[in-house]
Amino acid sequence: MSKKIHVHTRINGEEVEFLCEPRQSLLEVLRDELGLTGAKEGCNNGNCGACNVVLDDRLVNSCLVLAVEVEGHEVTTVEGVASSKGLHPIQQKFLEHAALQCGVCTPGFIVAAKALLDRNPKPTEHQVRHWLAGNLCRCTGYDKIVRAVLDASACGSPGQK
């Protein structure tokens, strides 16, 4: 039995502390210990993007990050994308463009799209497709997702809450 490690971090703007085993992934801790179930386990090897989170302004697959590695860092999950005022523009555009179906990939796409728009508020279609290439969808197809991201970028400052 491994000794659990105390981790102090910020998740979705709030100070969070938890205990975890050294081998536990951030995805496991988010879902199983902290009840943040938005990030999904798709492949568990970094190939599908369903578990995307932002770690210190960097898009990462939470299945590939050890939970102990977030000590002292900032994590944003899909639960942190909307604000108390309502849906983030990227979330609203996903609804308007029917860019979601079963929902397994949707949180990862939303987090990835927001990360893109935070870095580049006016991406080209090629840039959107390239940025989202690490996310797999088996239901919707990518055109609706790309259109939703481009429409969100047209709203002005979509990366902001």
C-alpha atoms as a PDB file:
ATOM      1  CA  MET A   1       0.000   0.000   0.000  1.00  0.00           C
ATOM      2  CA  SER A   2       1.428   3.355  -1.054  1.00  0.00           C
ATOM      3  CA  LYS A   3       1.686   6.280   1.261  1.00  0.00           C
ATOM      4  CA  LYS A   4      -0.700   9.034   0.200  1.00  0.00           C
ATOM      5  CA  ILE A   5       0.682  12.425  -0.687  1.00  0.00           C
ATOM      6  CA  HIS A   6      -0.883  15.739   0.305  1.00  0.00           C
ATOM      7  CA  VAL A   7      -1.426  18.060  -2.678  1.00  0.00           C
ATOM      8  CA  HIS A   8      -2.427  21.722  -2.541  1.00  0.00           C
ATOM      9  CA  THR A   9      -3.560  23.333  -5.805  1.00  0.00           C
ATOM     10  CA  ARG A  10      -6.139  25.642  -7.363  1.00  0.00           C
ATOM     11  CA  ILE A  11      -8.897  24.059  -9.399  1.00  0.00           C
ATOM     12  CA  ASN A  12     -11.345  26.270 -11.249  1.00  0.00           C
ATOM     13  CA  GLY A  13     -10.187  29.255  -9.218  1.00  0.00           C
ATOM     14  CA  GLU A  14     -10.618  27.642  -5.804  1.00  0.00           C
ATOM     15  CA  GLU A  15      -7.965  26.427  -3.378  1.00  0.00           C
ATOM     16  CA  VAL A  16      -8.144  22.635  -3.169  1.00  0.00           C
ATOM     17  CA  GLU A  17      -6.299  20.081  -1.068  1.00  0.00           C
ATOM     18  CA  PHE A  18      -6.434  16.328  -1.494  1.00  0.00           C
ATOM     19  CA  LEU A  19      -4.577  13.130  -0.708  1.00  0.00           C
ATOM     20  CA  CYS A  20      -3.547  10.825  -3.499  1.00  0.00           C
ATOM     21  CA  GLU A  21      -1.287   7.920  -4.221  1.00  0.00           C
ATOM     22  CA  PRO A  22       1.883   8.761  -6.183  1.00  0.00           C
ATOM     23  CA  ARG A  23       0.670   6.721  -9.172  1.00  0.00           C
ATOM     24  CA  GLN A  24      -2.798   8.293  -9.461  1.00  0.00           C
ATOM     25  CA  SER A  25      -3.506  10.372 -12.526  1.00  0.00           C
ATOM     26  CA  LEU A  26      -5.035  13.814 -12.305  1.00  0.00           C
ATOM     27  CA  LEU A  27      -8.053  12.401 -14.147  1.00  0.00           C
ATOM     28  CA  GLU A  28      -8.590   9.767 -11.451  1.00  0.00           C
ATOM     29  CA  VAL A  29      -8.365  12.313  -8.655  1.00  0.00           C
ATOM     30  CA  LEU A  30     -10.620  14.830 -10.403  1.00  0.00           C
ATOM     31  CA  ARG A  31     -13.328  12.248 -10.986  1.00  0.00           C
ATOM     32  CA  ASP A  32     -13.007   9.876  -8.040  1.00  0.00           C
ATOM     33  CA  GLU A  33     -11.739  12.060  -5.207  1.00  0.00           C
ATOM     34  CA  LEU A  34     -13.006  15.550  -6.060  1.00  0.00           C
ATOM     35  CA  GLY A  35     -16.281  14.723  -7.830  1.00  0.00           C
ATOM     36  CA  LEU A  36     -15.392  16.742 -10.933  1.00  0.00           C
ATOM     37  CA  THR A  37     -16.708  14.285 -13.498  1.00  0.00           C
ATOM     38  CA  GLY A  38     -16.692  16.547 -16.550  1.00  0.00           C
ATOM     39  CA  ALA A  39     -13.363  15.242 -17.813  1.00  0.00           C
ATOM     40  CA  LYS A  40     -14.032  11.815 -19.293  1.00  0.00           C
ATOM     41  CA  GLU A  41     -11.866   8.743 -19.506  1.00  0.00           C
ATOM     42  CA  GLY A  42     -11.826   7.812 -23.152  1.00  0.00           C
ATOM     43  CA  CYS A  43      -8.565   6.103 -24.022  1.00  0.00           C
ATOM     44  CA  ASN A  44      -6.525   6.634 -20.839  1.00  0.00           C
ATOM     45  CA  ASN A  45      -3.369   7.010 -22.946  1.00  0.00           C
ATOM     46  CA  GLY A  46      -3.532  10.604 -24.216  1.00  0.00           C
ATOM     47  CA  ASN A  47      -4.932   9.947 -27.673  1.00  0.00           C
ATOM     48  CA  CYS A  48      -8.559  11.099 -27.487  1.00  0.00           C
ATOM     49  CA  GLY A  49      -8.668  14.425 -25.615  1.00  0.00           C
ATOM     50  CA  ALA A  50     -11.810  13.545 -23.637  1.00  0.00           C
ATOM     51  CA  CYS A  51      -9.973  14.336 -20.394  1.00  0.00           C
ATOM     52  CA  ASN A  52      -8.488  17.692 -21.450  1.00  0.00           C
ATOM     53  CA  VAL A  53      -7.848  20.263 -18.744  1.00  0.00           C
ATOM     54  CA  VAL A  54      -5.804  23.433 -18.668  1.00  0.00           C
ATOM     55  CA  LEU A  55      -2.776  23.293 -16.372  1.00  0.00           C
ATOM     56  CA  ASP A  56      -1.211  26.726 -15.891  1.00  0.00           C
ATOM     57  CA  ASP A  57      -2.495  27.969 -19.264  1.00  0.00           C
ATOM     58  CA  ARG A  58      -1.364  24.808 -21.051  1.00  0.00           C
ATOM     59  CA  LEU A  59      -3.782  22.273 -22.525  1.00  0.00           C
ATOM     60  CA  VAL A  60      -2.999  18.767 -21.197  1.00  0.00           C
ATOM     61  CA  ASN A  61      -4.540  15.319 -21.084  1.00  0.00           C
ATOM     62  CA  SER A  62      -5.335  14.775 -17.413  1.00  0.00           C
ATOM     63  CA  CYS A  63      -4.929  11.018 -17.873  1.00  0.00           C
ATOM     64  CA  LEU A  64      -1.207  11.616 -18.549  1.00  0.00           C
ATOM     65  CA  VAL A  65      -0.540  13.979 -15.629  1.00  0.00           C
ATOM     66  CA  LEU A  66       0.132  12.574 -12.202  1.00  0.00           C
ATOM     67  CA  ALA A  67      -2.043  14.260  -9.596  1.00  0.00           C
ATOM     68  CA  VAL A  68       1.028  15.019  -7.470  1.00  0.00           C
ATOM     69  CA  GLU A  69       2.383  17.130 -10.343  1.00  0.00           C
ATOM     70  CA  VAL A  70      -0.311  19.783  -9.876  1.00  0.00           C
ATOM     71  CA  GLU A  71       1.052  20.799  -6.464  1.00  0.00           C
ATOM     72  CA  GLY A  72       1.050  24.597  -6.416  1.00  0.00           C
ATOM     73  CA  HIS A  73      -0.398  24.915  -9.918  1.00  0.00           C
ATOM     74  CA  GLU A  74      -3.685  26.086 -11.441  1.00  0.00           C
ATOM     75  CA  VAL A  75      -6.051  23.594 -13.084  1.00  0.00           C
ATOM     76  CA  THR A  76      -9.156  24.470 -15.085  1.00  0.00           C
ATOM     77  CA  THR A  77     -11.641  21.751 -15.931  1.00  0.00           C
ATOM     78  CA  VAL A  78     -14.793  21.967 -18.019  1.00  0.00           C
ATOM     79  CA  GLU A  79     -16.668  22.739 -14.785  1.00  0.00           C
ATOM     80  CA  GLY A  80     -14.687  25.980 -14.611  1.00  0.00           C
ATOM     81  CA  VAL A  81     -15.508  27.202 -18.115  1.00  0.00           C
ATOM     82  CA  ALA A  82     -18.968  28.673 -17.423  1.00  0.00           C
ATOM     83  CA  SER A  83     -19.373  31.565 -14.999  1.00  0.00           C
ATOM     84  CA  SER A  84     -22.080  32.498 -12.538  1.00  0.00           C
ATOM     85  CA  LYS A  85     -23.478  34.690 -15.322  1.00  0.00           C
ATOM     86  CA  GLY A  86     -24.111  31.719 -17.586  1.00  0.00           C
ATOM     87  CA  LEU A  87     -22.534  29.632 -20.279  1.00  0.00           C
ATOM     88  CA  HIS A  88     -19.244  30.626 -21.809  1.00  0.00           C
ATOM     89  CA  PRO A  89     -19.641  31.668 -25.490  1.00  0.00           C
ATOM     90  CA  ILE A  90     -17.916  28.477 -26.660  1.00  0.00           C
ATOM     91  CA  GLN A  91     -20.453  26.385 -24.733  1.00  0.00           C
ATOM     92  CA  GLN A  92     -23.340  28.390 -26.159  1.00  0.00           C
ATOM     93  CA  LYS A  93     -22.033  27.986 -29.707  1.00  0.00           C
ATOM     94  CA  PHE A  94     -21.642  24.223 -29.234  1.00  0.00           C
ATOM     95  CA  LEU A  95     -25.360  24.129 -28.379  1.00  0.00           C
ATOM     96  CA  GLU A  96     -26.379  26.407 -31.249  1.00  0.00           C
ATOM     97  CA  HIS A  97     -24.376  24.429 -33.815  1.00  0.00           C
ATOM     98  CA  ALA A  98     -25.425  21.005 -32.469  1.00  0.00           C
ATOM     99  CA  ALA A  99     -21.714  20.280 -32.027  1.00  0.00           C
ATOM    100  CA  LEU A 100     -22.323  17.557 -29.467  1.00  0.00           C
ATOM    101  CA  GLN A 101     -24.109  14.257 -29.310  1.00  0.00           C
ATOM    102  CA  CYS A 102     -23.224  11.523 -26.832  1.00  0.00           C
ATOM    103  CA  GLY A 103     -21.179  13.943 -24.716  1.00  0.00           C
ATOM    104  CA  VAL A 104     -18.089  11.830 -24.045  1.00  0.00           C
ATOM    105  CA  CYS A 105     -15.790  14.029 -26.130  1.00  0.00           C
ATOM    106  CA  THR A 106     -17.622  17.327 -25.598  1.00  0.00           C
ATOM    107  CA  PRO A 107     -15.921  18.452 -22.355  1.00  0.00           C
ATOM    108  CA  GLY A 108     -12.486  17.888 -23.866  1.00  0.00           C
ATOM    109  CA  PHE A 109     -13.412  19.773 -27.019  1.00  0.00           C
ATOM    110  CA  ILE A 110     -14.826  22.688 -25.015  1.00  0.00           C
ATOM    111  CA  VAL A 111     -11.733  22.950 -22.831  1.00  0.00           C
ATOM    112  CA  ALA A 112      -9.470  22.693 -25.881  1.00  0.00           C
ATOM    113  CA  ALA A 113     -11.492  25.256 -27.840  1.00  0.00           C
ATOM    114  CA  LYS A 114     -11.452  27.707 -24.935  1.00  0.00           C
ATOM    115  CA  ALA A 115      -7.692  27.227 -24.565  1.00  0.00           C
ATOM    116  CA  LEU A 116      -7.279  28.001 -28.260  1.00  0.00           C
ATOM    117  CA  LEU A 117      -9.445  31.117 -28.106  1.00  0.00           C
ATOM    118  CA  ASP A 118      -7.616  32.310 -24.990  1.00  0.00           C
ATOM    119  CA  ARG A 119      -4.366  32.153 -27.000  1.00  0.00           C
ATOM    120  CA  ASN A 120      -5.733  33.170 -30.380  1.00  0.00           C
ATOM    121  CA  PRO A 121      -9.117  34.950 -30.305  1.00  0.00           C
ATOM    122  CA  LYS A 122      -9.435  34.967 -34.123  1.00  0.00           C
ATOM    123  CA  PRO A 123      -8.144  31.626 -35.419  1.00  0.00           C
ATOM    124  CA  THR A 124      -8.509  30.514 -39.009  1.00  0.00           C
ATOM    125  CA  GLU A 125     -10.369  27.322 -39.831  1.00  0.00           C
ATOM    126  CA  HIS A 126      -7.035  25.608 -40.426  1.00  0.00           C
ATOM    127  CA  GLN A 127      -5.777  26.716 -36.990  1.00  0.00           C
ATOM    128  CA  VAL A 128      -8.950  25.436 -35.305  1.00  0.00           C
ATOM    129  CA  ARG A 129      -8.690  22.066 -37.027  1.00  0.00           C
ATOM    130  CA  HIS A 130      -4.994  21.782 -36.169  1.00  0.00           C
ATOM    131  CA  TRP A 131      -5.551  22.746 -32.507  1.00  0.00           C
ATOM    132  CA  LEU A 132      -8.417  20.263 -32.096  1.00  0.00           C
ATOM    133  CA  ALA A 133      -6.581  17.417 -33.859  1.00  0.00           C
ATOM    134  CA  GLY A 134      -5.878  15.783 -30.487  1.00  0.00           C
ATOM    135  CA  ASN A 135      -9.590  15.344 -29.796  1.00  0.00           C
ATOM    136  CA  LEU A 136     -11.560  12.428 -31.171  1.00  0.00           C
ATOM    137  CA  CYS A 137     -15.311  12.401 -31.791  1.00  0.00           C
ATOM    138  CA  ARG A 138     -17.134   9.312 -32.933  1.00  0.00           C
ATOM    139  CA  CYS A 139     -20.635  10.811 -33.192  1.00  0.00           C
ATOM    140  CA  THR A 140     -20.846  14.382 -34.408  1.00  0.00           C
ATOM    141  CA  GLY A 141     -18.158  14.787 -36.977  1.00  0.00           C
ATOM    142  CA  TYR A 142     -15.819  17.696 -36.833  1.00  0.00           C
ATOM    143  CA  ASP A 143     -17.445  20.284 -39.082  1.00  0.00           C
ATOM    144  CA  LYS A 144     -20.090  21.293 -36.533  1.00  0.00           C
ATOM    145  CA  ILE A 145     -17.432  21.583 -33.839  1.00  0.00           C
ATOM    146  CA  VAL A 146     -15.160  23.686 -36.037  1.00  0.00           C
ATOM    147  CA  ARG A 147     -18.089  25.924 -37.028  1.00  0.00           C
ATOM    148  CA  ALA A 148     -18.999  26.400 -33.350  1.00  0.00           C
ATOM    149  CA  VAL A 149     -15.444  27.471 -32.491  1.00  0.00           C
ATOM    150  CA  LEU A 150     -15.252  29.852 -35.435  1.00  0.00           C
ATOM    151  CA  ASP A 151     -18.640  31.346 -34.534  1.00  0.00           C
ATOM    152  CA  ALA A 152     -17.518  31.794 -30.913  1.00  0.00           C
ATOM    153  CA  SER A 153     -14.408  33.591 -32.151  1.00  0.00           C
ATOM    154  CA  ALA A 154     -16.614  35.945 -34.173  1.00  0.00           C
ATOM    155  CA  CYS A 155     -18.437  36.959 -30.958  1.00  0.00           C
ATOM    156  CA  GLY A 156     -15.344  38.851 -29.785  1.00  0.00           C
ATOM    157  CA  SER A 157     -13.208  37.979 -26.769  1.00  0.00           C
ATOM    158  CA  PRO A 158     -14.634  34.421 -26.495  1.00  0.00           C
ATOM    159  CA  GLY A 159     -11.734  33.288 -24.328  1.00  0.00           C
ATOM    160  CA  GLN A 160     -12.950  35.555 -21.537  1.00  0.00           C
ATOM    161  CA  LYS A 161     -15.632  34.544 -19.093  1.00  0.00           C
END
